[in-house]
C-alpha atoms as a PDB file:
ATOM      1  CA  MET A   1     112.976 132.690 124.723  1.00  0.00           C
ATOM      2  CA  GLY A   2     111.359 134.656 121.916  1.00  0.00           C
ATOM      3  CA  LYS A   3     108.751 133.549 119.446  1.00  0.00           C
ATOM      4  CA  PHE A   4     109.889 131.762 116.312  1.00  0.00           C
ATOM      5  CA  TYR A   5     109.776 134.168 113.340  1.00  0.00           C
ATOM      6  CA  ARG A   6     109.929 132.425 110.001  1.00  0.00           C
ATOM      7  CA  TYR A   7     110.645 135.701 108.210  1.00  0.00           C
ATOM      8  CA  LYS A   8     114.008 136.066 109.989  1.00  0.00           C
ATOM      9  CA  LEU A   9     115.260 132.830 108.439  1.00  0.00           C
ATOM     10  CA  PRO A  10     117.548 132.750 105.392  1.00  0.00           C
ATOM     11  CA  PRO A  11     115.652 133.089 102.100  1.00  0.00           C
ATOM     12  CA  TRP A  12     116.388 129.509 100.956  1.00  0.00           C
ATOM     13  CA  LEU A  13     115.051 128.020 104.195  1.00  0.00           C
ATOM     14  CA  ARG A  14     112.011 130.294 104.200  1.00  0.00           C
ATOM     15  CA  HIS A  15     111.270 129.192 100.617  1.00  0.00           C
ATOM     16  CA  TRP A  16     111.356 125.505 101.614  1.00  0.00           C
ATOM     17  CA  ILE A  17     109.044 126.125 104.558  1.00  0.00           C
ATOM     18  CA  PHE A  18     106.523 127.744 102.189  1.00  0.00           C
ATOM     19  CA  VAL A  19     106.833 124.814  99.741  1.00  0.00           C
ATOM     20  CA  ILE A  20     106.263 122.273 102.513  1.00  0.00           C
ATOM     21  CA  GLU A  21     103.303 124.297 103.787  1.00  0.00           C
ATOM     22  CA  ARG A  22     101.665 124.275 100.343  1.00  0.00           C
ATOM     23  CA  CYS A  23     102.263 120.537  99.785  1.00  0.00           C
ATOM     24  CA  THR A  24     100.931 119.433 103.175  1.00  0.00           C
ATOM     25  CA  VAL A  25      97.192 119.587 102.397  1.00  0.00           C
ATOM     26  CA  PRO A  26      97.215 117.511  99.166  1.00  0.00           C
ATOM     27  CA  LEU A  27      99.484 114.899 100.750  1.00  0.00           C
ATOM     28  CA  MET A  28      97.294 114.773 103.849  1.00  0.00           C
ATOM     29  CA  VAL A  29      94.091 114.325 101.814  1.00  0.00           C
ATOM     30  CA  TYR A  30      95.679 111.561  99.730  1.00  0.00           C
ATOM     31  CA  GLN A  31      96.960 109.813 102.848  1.00  0.00           C
ATOM     32  CA  ILE A  32      93.584 110.024 104.608  1.00  0.00           C
ATOM     33  CA  ILE A  33      91.825 108.504 101.583  1.00  0.00           C
ATOM     34  CA  ARG A  34      94.439 105.768 101.372  1.00  0.00           C
ATOM     35  CA  THR A  35      94.101 105.055 105.098  1.00  0.00           C
ATOM     36  CA  LEU A  36      90.341 104.761 104.801  1.00  0.00           C
ATOM     37  CA  LEU A  37      90.589 102.333 101.859  1.00  0.00           C
ATOM     38  CA  ILE A  38      93.562 100.171 102.888  1.00  0.00           C
ATOM     39  CA  PRO A  39      94.439 100.787 106.545  1.00  0.00           C
ATOM     40  CA  THR A  40      97.877  99.594 107.567  1.00  0.00           C
ATOM     41  CA  THR A  41     100.023 100.601 110.506  1.00  0.00           C
ATOM     42  CA  LEU A  42     102.303 102.678 108.279  1.00  0.00           C
ATOM     43  CA  ASP A  43      99.338 104.511 106.729  1.00  0.00           C
ATOM     44  CA  VAL A  44      97.920 105.412 110.139  1.00  0.00           C
ATOM     45  CA  PHE A  45     101.346 106.584 111.298  1.00  0.00           C
ATOM     46  CA  LEU A  46     101.892 108.735 108.179  1.00  0.00           C
ATOM     47  CA  THR A  47      98.390 110.200 108.475  1.00  0.00           C
ATOM     48  CA  GLY A  48      99.143 111.236 112.049  1.00  0.00           C
ATOM     49  CA  ILE A  49     102.394 112.882 110.977  1.00  0.00           C
ATOM     50  CA  PHE A  50     100.712 114.800 108.133  1.00  0.00           C
ATOM     51  CA  VAL A  51      97.847 115.944 110.354  1.00  0.00           C
ATOM     52  CA  GLY A  52     100.349 117.060 112.994  1.00  0.00           C
ATOM     53  CA  ILE A  53     102.384 119.034 110.448  1.00  0.00           C
ATOM     54  CA  PHE A  54      99.187 120.592 109.078  1.00  0.00           C
ATOM     55  CA  PHE A  55      98.065 121.758 112.525  1.00  0.00           C
ATOM     56  CA  ALA A  56     101.562 123.068 113.285  1.00  0.00           C
ATOM     57  CA  PHE A  57     101.377 125.273 110.185  1.00  0.00           C
ATOM     58  CA  TYR A  58      97.738 126.202 110.837  1.00  0.00           C
ATOM     59  CA  LEU A  59      98.433 127.325 114.405  1.00  0.00           C
ATOM     60  CA  ASP A  60     101.644 129.144 113.324  1.00  0.00           C
ATOM     61  CA  TRP A  61     103.925 126.926 115.383  1.00  0.00           C
ATOM     62  CA  ILE A  62     106.177 126.612 112.318  1.00  0.00           C
END
């Protein structure tokens, strides 16, 4: 199976991937600060999801 190329996607989907990629870092920073101040199970879970999405974009998996 070939590598996933985001530039072969339809323009509307490619646009949303770029928007999500740009919004990931501010949301992740906010969630990390919130988890450090008021740690709940949901906050830890959301932080893990945001960090995972960030690394997926950083390593070009998405």
